[in-house]
All heavy atoms as atom14 arrays in JSON, in Angstrom:
{
  "sequence": "ATLHVLGDSLFDWVDDDAAEVETYVLAQHRI",
  "atom14_mask": [
    [1, 1, 1, 1, 1, 0, 0, 0, 0, 0, 0, 0, 0, 0],
    [1, 1, 1, 1, 1, 1, 1, 0, 0, 0, 0, 0, 0, 0],
    [1, 1, 1, 1, 1, 1, 1, 1, 0, 0, 0, 0, 0, 0],
    [1, 1, 1, 1, 1, 1, 1, 1, 1, 1, 0, 0, 0, 0],
    [1, 1, 1, 1, 1, 1, 1, 0, 0, 0, 0, 0, 0, 0],
    [1, 1, 1, 1, 1, 1, 1, 1, 0, 0, 0, 0, 0, 0],
    [1, 1, 1, 1, 0, 0, 0, 0, 0, 0, 0, 0, 0, 0],
    [1, 1, 1, 1, 1, 1, 1, 1, 0, 0, 0, 0, 0, 0],
    [1, 1, 1, 1, 1, 1, 0, 0, 0, 0, 0, 0, 0, 0],
    [1, 1, 1, 1, 1, 1, 1, 1, 0, 0, 0, 0, 0, 0],
    [1, 1, 1, 1, 1, 1, 1, 1, 1, 1, 1, 0, 0, 0],
    [1, 1, 1, 1, 1, 1, 1, 1, 0, 0, 0, 0, 0, 0],
    [1, 1, 1, 1, 1, 1, 1, 1, 1, 1, 1, 1, 1, 1],
    [1, 1, 1, 1, 1, 1, 1, 0, 0, 0, 0, 0, 0, 0],
    [1, 1, 1, 1, 1, 1, 1, 1, 0, 0, 0, 0, 0, 0],
    [1, 1, 1, 1, 1, 1, 1, 1, 0, 0, 0, 0, 0, 0],
    [1, 1, 1, 1, 1, 1, 1, 1, 0, 0, 0, 0, 0, 0],
    [1, 1, 1, 1, 1, 0, 0, 0, 0, 0, 0, 0, 0, 0],
    [1, 1, 1, 1, 1, 0, 0, 0, 0, 0, 0, 0, 0, 0],
    [1, 1, 1, 1, 1, 1, 1, 1, 1, 0, 0, 0, 0, 0],
    [1, 1, 1, 1, 1, 1, 1, 0, 0, 0, 0, 0, 0, 0],
    [1, 1, 1, 1, 1, 1, 1, 1, 1, 0, 0, 0, 0, 0],
    [1, 1, 1, 1, 1, 1, 1, 0, 0, 0, 0, 0, 0, 0],
    [1, 1, 1, 1, 1, 1, 1, 1, 1, 1, 1, 1, 0, 0],
    [1, 1, 1, 1, 1, 1, 1, 0, 0, 0, 0, 0, 0, 0],
    [1, 1, 1, 1, 1, 1, 1, 1, 0, 0, 0, 0, 0, 0],
    [1, 1, 1, 1, 1, 0, 0, 0, 0, 0, 0, 0, 0, 0],
    [1, 1, 1, 1, 1, 1, 1, 1, 1, 0, 0, 0, 0, 0],
    [1, 1, 1, 1, 1, 1, 1, 1, 1, 1, 0, 0, 0, 0],
    [1, 1, 1, 1, 1, 1, 1, 1, 1, 1, 1, 0, 0, 0],
    [1, 1, 1, 1, 1, 1, 1, 1, 0, 0, 0, 0, 0, 0]
  ],
  "atom14_positions": [
    [[1.67, -14.48, -14.8], [1.67, -13.02, -14.77], [0.98, -12.57, -13.49], [0.15, -13.29, -12.93], [0.96, -12.43, -15.99], [0.0, 0.0, 0.0], [0.0, 0.0, 0.0], [0.0, 0.0, 0.0], [0.0, 0.0, 0.0], [0.0, 0.0, 0.0], [0.0, 0.0, 0.0], [0.0, 0.0, 0.0], [0.0, 0.0, 0.0], [0.0, 0.0, 0.0]],
    [[1.33, -11.37, -13.02], [0.65, -10.78, -11.87], [0.38, -9.31, -12.16], [1.06, -8.69, -12.98], [1.49, -10.9, -10.58], [2.75, -10.22, -10.76], [1.73, -12.35, -10.21], [0.0, 0.0, 0.0], [0.0, 0.0, 0.0], [0.0, 0.0, 0.0], [0.0, 0.0, 0.0], [0.0, 0.0, 0.0], [0.0, 0.0, 0.0], [0.0, 0.0, 0.0]],
    [[-0.59, -8.76, -11.45], [-0.95, -7.36, -11.59], [-1.35, -6.83, -10.22], [-2.37, -7.24, -9.68], [-2.09, -7.18, -12.59], [-2.47, -5.74, -12.96], [-1.34, -5.09, -13.75], [-3.75, -5.71, -13.77], [0.0, 0.0, 0.0], [0.0, 0.0, 0.0], [0.0, 0.0, 0.0], [0.0, 0.0, 0.0], [0.0, 0.0, 0.0], [0.0, 0.0, 0.0]],
    [[-0.53, -5.94, -9.66], [-0.79, -5.34, -8.35], [-1.29, -3.91, -8.54], [-0.63, -3.11, -9.22], [0.47, -5.34, -7.49], [0.85, -6.69, -6.97], [1.27, -7.71, -7.8], [0.87, -7.19, -5.7], [1.53, -8.79, -7.07], [1.3, -8.5, -5.8], [0.0, 0.0, 0.0], [0.0, 0.0, 0.0], [0.0, 0.0, 0.0], [0.0, 0.0, 0.0]],
    [[-2.43, -3.6, -7.97], [-3.03, -2.27, -8.08], [-3.23, -1.72, -6.67], [-3.85, -2.37, -5.82], [-4.39, -2.32, -8.81], [-5.0, -0.93, -8.89], [-4.22, -2.9, -10.21], [0.0, 0.0, 0.0], [0.0, 0.0, 0.0], [0.0, 0.0, 0.0], [0.0, 0.0, 0.0], [0.0, 0.0, 0.0], [0.0, 0.0, 0.0], [0.0, 0.0, 0.0]],
    [[-2.69, -0.53, -6.41], [-2.79, 0.08, -5.09], [-4.02, 0.96, -4.99], [-4.41, 1.65, -5.94], [-1.55, 0.93, -4.8], [-0.22, 0.19, -4.74], [0.9, 1.17, -4.41], [-0.26, -0.94, -3.73], [0.0, 0.0, 0.0], [0.0, 0.0, 0.0], [0.0, 0.0, 0.0], [0.0, 0.0, 0.0], [0.0, 0.0, 0.0], [0.0, 0.0, 0.0]],
    [[-4.63, 0.96, -3.8], [-5.71, 1.88, -3.48], [-5.17, 3.03, -2.65], [-4.04, 3.48, -2.81], [0.0, 0.0, 0.0], [0.0, 0.0, 0.0], [0.0, 0.0, 0.0], [0.0, 0.0, 0.0], [0.0, 0.0, 0.0], [0.0, 0.0, 0.0], [0.0, 0.0, 0.0], [0.0, 0.0, 0.0], [0.0, 0.0, 0.0], [0.0, 0.0, 0.0]],
    [[-5.98, 3.49, -1.73], [-5.61, 4.64, -0.89], [-4.49, 4.27, 0.07], [-4.37, 3.13, 0.52], [-6.81, 5.13, -0.1], [-7.91, 5.68, -1.0], [-7.57, 6.16, -2.09], [-9.08, 5.6, -0.62], [0.0, 0.0, 0.0], [0.0, 0.0, 0.0], [0.0, 0.0, 0.0], [0.0, 0.0, 0.0], [0.0, 0.0, 0.0], [0.0, 0.0, 0.0]],
    [[-3.69, 5.27, 0.41], [-2.69, 5.15, 1.46], [-3.04, 6.15, 2.56], [-3.3, 7.33, 2.29], [-1.28, 5.45, 0.94], [-0.85, 4.46, 0.04], [0.0, 0.0, 0.0], [0.0, 0.0, 0.0], [0.0, 0.0, 0.0], [0.0, 0.0, 0.0], [0.0, 0.0, 0.0], [0.0, 0.0, 0.0], [0.0, 0.0, 0.0], [0.0, 0.0, 0.0]],
    [[-3.04, 5.67, 3.8], [-3.3, 6.53, 4.96], [-2.02, 6.66, 5.75], [-1.42, 5.65, 6.16], [-4.41, 5.93, 5.82], [-4.85, 6.75, 7.03], [-5.45, 8.08, 6.58], [-5.84, 5.97, 7.88], [0.0, 0.0, 0.0], [0.0, 0.0, 0.0], [0.0, 0.0, 0.0], [0.0, 0.0, 0.0], [0.0, 0.0, 0.0], [0.0, 0.0, 0.0]],
    [[-1.58, 7.89, 5.97], [-0.31, 8.17, 6.64], [-0.56, 8.61, 8.08], [-1.31, 9.56, 8.32], [0.44, 9.29, 5.92], [0.92, 8.91, 4.54], [0.04, 8.9, 3.45], [2.24, 8.58, 4.32], [0.48, 8.56, 2.19], [2.69, 8.24, 3.05], [1.8, 8.23, 1.98], [0.0, 0.0, 0.0], [0.0, 0.0, 0.0], [0.0, 0.0, 0.0]],
    [[0.08, 7.94, 9.02], [0.1, 8.35, 10.42], [1.56, 8.63, 10.78], [2.39, 7.71, 10.85], [-0.47, 7.27, 11.34], [-1.97, 7.09, 11.17], [-2.66, 8.12, 11.02], [-2.45, 5.94, 11.17], [0.0, 0.0, 0.0], [0.0, 0.0, 0.0], [0.0, 0.0, 0.0], [0.0, 0.0, 0.0], [0.0, 0.0, 0.0], [0.0, 0.0, 0.0]],
    [[1.85, 9.9, 10.98], [3.25, 10.3, 11.18], [3.68, 10.08, 12.62], [3.02, 10.54, 13.55], [3.44, 11.75, 10.77], [3.37, 11.89, 9.28], [2.28, 12.16, 8.53], [4.45, 11.7, 8.37], [2.6, 12.15, 7.19], [3.92, 11.88, 7.05], [5.81, 11.4, 8.52], [4.71, 11.77, 5.92], [6.59, 11.29, 7.38], [6.05, 11.47, 6.11]],
    [[4.78, 9.38, 12.77], [5.37, 9.16, 14.1], [6.22, 10.37, 14.46], [6.13, 10.92, 15.56], [6.22, 7.88, 14.11], [6.89, 7.68, 15.47], [5.37, 6.67, 13.74], [0.0, 0.0, 0.0], [0.0, 0.0, 0.0], [0.0, 0.0, 0.0], [0.0, 0.0, 0.0], [0.0, 0.0, 0.0], [0.0, 0.0, 0.0], [0.0, 0.0, 0.0]],
    [[7.07, 10.79, 13.54], [7.86, 12.01, 13.65], [8.27, 12.4, 12.23], [7.75, 11.84, 11.26], [9.07, 11.84, 14.59], [9.96, 10.67, 14.19], [10.18, 10.46, 12.98], [10.43, 9.93, 15.09], [0.0, 0.0, 0.0], [0.0, 0.0, 0.0], [0.0, 0.0, 0.0], [0.0, 0.0, 0.0], [0.0, 0.0, 0.0], [0.0, 0.0, 0.0]],
    [[9.2, 13.33, 12.11], [9.56, 13.8, 10.77], [10.22, 12.73, 9.92], [10.25, 12.84, 8.69], [10.5, 15.01, 10.88], [9.78, 16.26, 11.35], [8.53, 16.28, 11.28], [10.47, 17.2, 11.81], [0.0, 0.0, 0.0], [0.0, 0.0, 0.0], [0.0, 0.0, 0.0], [0.0, 0.0, 0.0], [0.0, 0.0, 0.0], [0.0, 0.0, 0.0]],
    [[10.77, 11.69, 10.54], [11.51, 10.68, 9.81], [10.91, 9.28, 9.92], [11.59, 8.29, 9.62], [12.97, 10.64, 10.3], [13.71, 11.93, 10.0], [13.61, 12.42, 8.86], [14.37, 12.47, 10.91], [0.0, 0.0, 0.0], [0.0, 0.0, 0.0], [0.0, 0.0, 0.0], [0.0, 0.0, 0.0], [0.0, 0.0, 0.0], [0.0, 0.0, 0.0]],
    [[9.66, 9.18, 10.32], [9.0, 7.87, 10.42], [7.5, 8.04, 10.27], [6.91, 8.99, 10.79], [9.32, 7.21, 11.76], [0.0, 0.0, 0.0], [0.0, 0.0, 0.0], [0.0, 0.0, 0.0], [0.0, 0.0, 0.0], [0.0, 0.0, 0.0], [0.0, 0.0, 0.0], [0.0, 0.0, 0.0], [0.0, 0.0, 0.0], [0.0, 0.0, 0.0]],
    [[6.9, 7.11, 9.53], [5.45, 7.13, 9.32], [4.94, 5.71, 9.24], [5.6, 4.83, 8.69], [5.1, 7.88, 8.03], [0.0, 0.0, 0.0], [0.0, 0.0, 0.0], [0.0, 0.0, 0.0], [0.0, 0.0, 0.0], [0.0, 0.0, 0.0], [0.0, 0.0, 0.0], [0.0, 0.0, 0.0], [0.0, 0.0, 0.0], [0.0, 0.0, 0.0]],
    [[3.76, 5.49, 9.83], [3.07, 4.23, 9.67], [2.02, 4.43, 8.57], [1.19, 5.33, 8.65], [2.44, 3.79, 10.99], [3.49, 3.47, 12.04], [2.89, 2.93, 13.32], [1.66, 2.94, 13.45], [3.68, 2.49, 14.18], [0.0, 0.0, 0.0], [0.0, 0.0, 0.0], [0.0, 0.0, 0.0], [0.0, 0.0, 0.0], [0.0, 0.0, 0.0]],
    [[2.09, 3.57, 7.54], [1.31, 3.77, 6.32], [0.49, 2.52, 6.03], [1.04, 1.42, 5.93], [2.23, 4.1, 5.12], [1.39, 4.42, 3.89], [3.17, 5.25, 5.45], [0.0, 0.0, 0.0], [0.0, 0.0, 0.0], [0.0, 0.0, 0.0], [0.0, 0.0, 0.0], [0.0, 0.0, 0.0], [0.0, 0.0, 0.0], [0.0, 0.0, 0.0]],
    [[-0.82, 2.7, 5.9], [-1.72, 1.61, 5.54], [-2.16, 1.83, 4.1], [-2.71, 2.88, 3.76], [-2.94, 1.6, 6.45], [-3.97, 0.54, 6.09], [-5.26, 0.69, 6.89], [-5.9, 1.77, 6.75], [-5.61, -0.23, 7.63], [0.0, 0.0, 0.0], [0.0, 0.0, 0.0], [0.0, 0.0, 0.0], [0.0, 0.0, 0.0], [0.0, 0.0, 0.0]],
    [[-1.93, 0.82, 3.24], [-2.24, 0.94, 1.82], [-3.08, -0.25, 1.37], [-2.7, -1.4, 1.62], [-0.95, 0.99, 0.98], [-0.13, 2.08, 1.42], [-1.29, 1.18, -0.5], [0.0, 0.0, 0.0], [0.0, 0.0, 0.0], [0.0, 0.0, 0.0], [0.0, 0.0, 0.0], [0.0, 0.0, 0.0], [0.0, 0.0, 0.0], [0.0, 0.0, 0.0]],
    [[-4.19, 0.04, 0.72], [-5.04, -1.03, 0.18], [-4.43, -1.56, -1.11], [-3.87, -0.8, -1.91], [-6.44, -0.5, -0.07], [-7.26, -0.34, 1.19], [-7.02, 0.72, 2.07], [-8.25, -1.25, 1.52], [-7.75, 0.86, 3.23], [-8.99, -1.12, 2.68], [-8.74, -0.06, 3.53], [-9.46, 0.08, 4.69], [0.0, 0.0, 0.0], [0.0, 0.0, 0.0]],
    [[-4.56, -2.88, -1.33], [-3.99, -3.5, -2.53], [-4.93, -4.56, -3.07], [-5.56, -5.3, -2.31], [-2.6, -4.12, -2.24], [-2.69, -5.18, -1.15], [-1.98, -4.69, -3.5], [0.0, 0.0, 0.0], [0.0, 0.0, 0.0], [0.0, 0.0, 0.0], [0.0, 0.0, 0.0], [0.0, 0.0, 0.0], [0.0, 0.0, 0.0], [0.0, 0.0, 0.0]],
    [[-5.05, -4.59, -4.39], [-5.72, -5.68, -5.11], [-4.67, -6.31, -6.02], [-4.04, -5.62, -6.82], [-6.89, -5.16, -5.94], [-8.08, -4.6, -5.17], [-9.1, -4.01, -6.15], [-8.74, -5.69, -4.34], [0.0, 0.0, 0.0], [0.0, 0.0, 0.0], [0.0, 0.0, 0.0], [0.0, 0.0, 0.0], [0.0, 0.0, 0.0], [0.0, 0.0, 0.0]],
    [[-4.49, -7.62, -5.89], [-3.49, -8.32, -6.7], [-4.15, -9.47, -7.43], [-4.96, -10.2, -6.86], [-2.35, -8.83, -5.82], [0.0, 0.0, 0.0], [0.0, 0.0, 0.0], [0.0, 0.0, 0.0], [0.0, 0.0, 0.0], [0.0, 0.0, 0.0], [0.0, 0.0, 0.0], [0.0, 0.0, 0.0], [0.0, 0.0, 0.0], [0.0, 0.0, 0.0]],
    [[-3.79, -9.61, -8.7], [-4.31, -10.71, -9.52], [-3.13, -11.52, -10.04], [-2.14, -10.95, -10.53], [-5.15, -10.16, -10.68], [-6.35, -9.35, -10.2], [-7.23, -8.91, -11.35], [-7.94, -9.69, -11.96], [-7.16, -7.61, -11.66], [0.0, 0.0, 0.0], [0.0, 0.0, 0.0], [0.0, 0.0, 0.0], [0.0, 0.0, 0.0], [0.0, 0.0, 0.0]],
    [[-3.26, -12.84, -9.93], [-2.2, -13.75, -10.31], [-2.75, -14.71, -11.38], [-3.66, -15.48, -11.09], [-1.72, -14.55, -9.1], [-1.35, -13.71, -7.91], [-2.3, -13.04, -7.17], [-0.15, -13.45, -7.35], [-1.69, -12.39, -6.18], [-0.39, -12.62, -6.27], [0.0, 0.0, 0.0], [0.0, 0.0, 0.0], [0.0, 0.0, 0.0], [0.0, 0.0, 0.0]],
    [[-2.19, -14.65, -12.59], [-2.71, -15.44, -13.69], [-1.97, -16.77, -13.82], [-0.74, -16.82, -13.75], [-2.57, -14.67, -15.01], [-3.39, -15.25, -16.16], [-3.02, -14.61, -17.48], [-1.82, -15.2, -18.06], [-0.89, -14.52, -18.74], [-1.01, -13.22, -18.87], [0.16, -15.13, -19.25], [0.0, 0.0, 0.0], [0.0, 0.0, 0.0], [0.0, 0.0, 0.0]],
    [[-2.75, -17.81, -14.03], [-2.2, -19.14, -14.28], [-2.74, -19.6, -15.63], [-3.96, -19.54, -15.88], [-2.63, -20.13, -13.18], [-2.16, -19.63, -11.81], [-2.09, -21.52, -13.46], [-2.71, -20.42, -10.64], [0.0, 0.0, 0.0], [0.0, 0.0, 0.0], [0.0, 0.0, 0.0], [0.0, 0.0, 0.0], [0.0, 0.0, 0.0], [0.0, 0.0, 0.0]]
  ]
}
């Protein structure tokens, strides 16, 4: 099983149709 949890996303807009987005993630993988 896995569980992905997202944190904040920071948007840097290139133009109206493009954005560079940095998103924090914590993922847990069960064995």
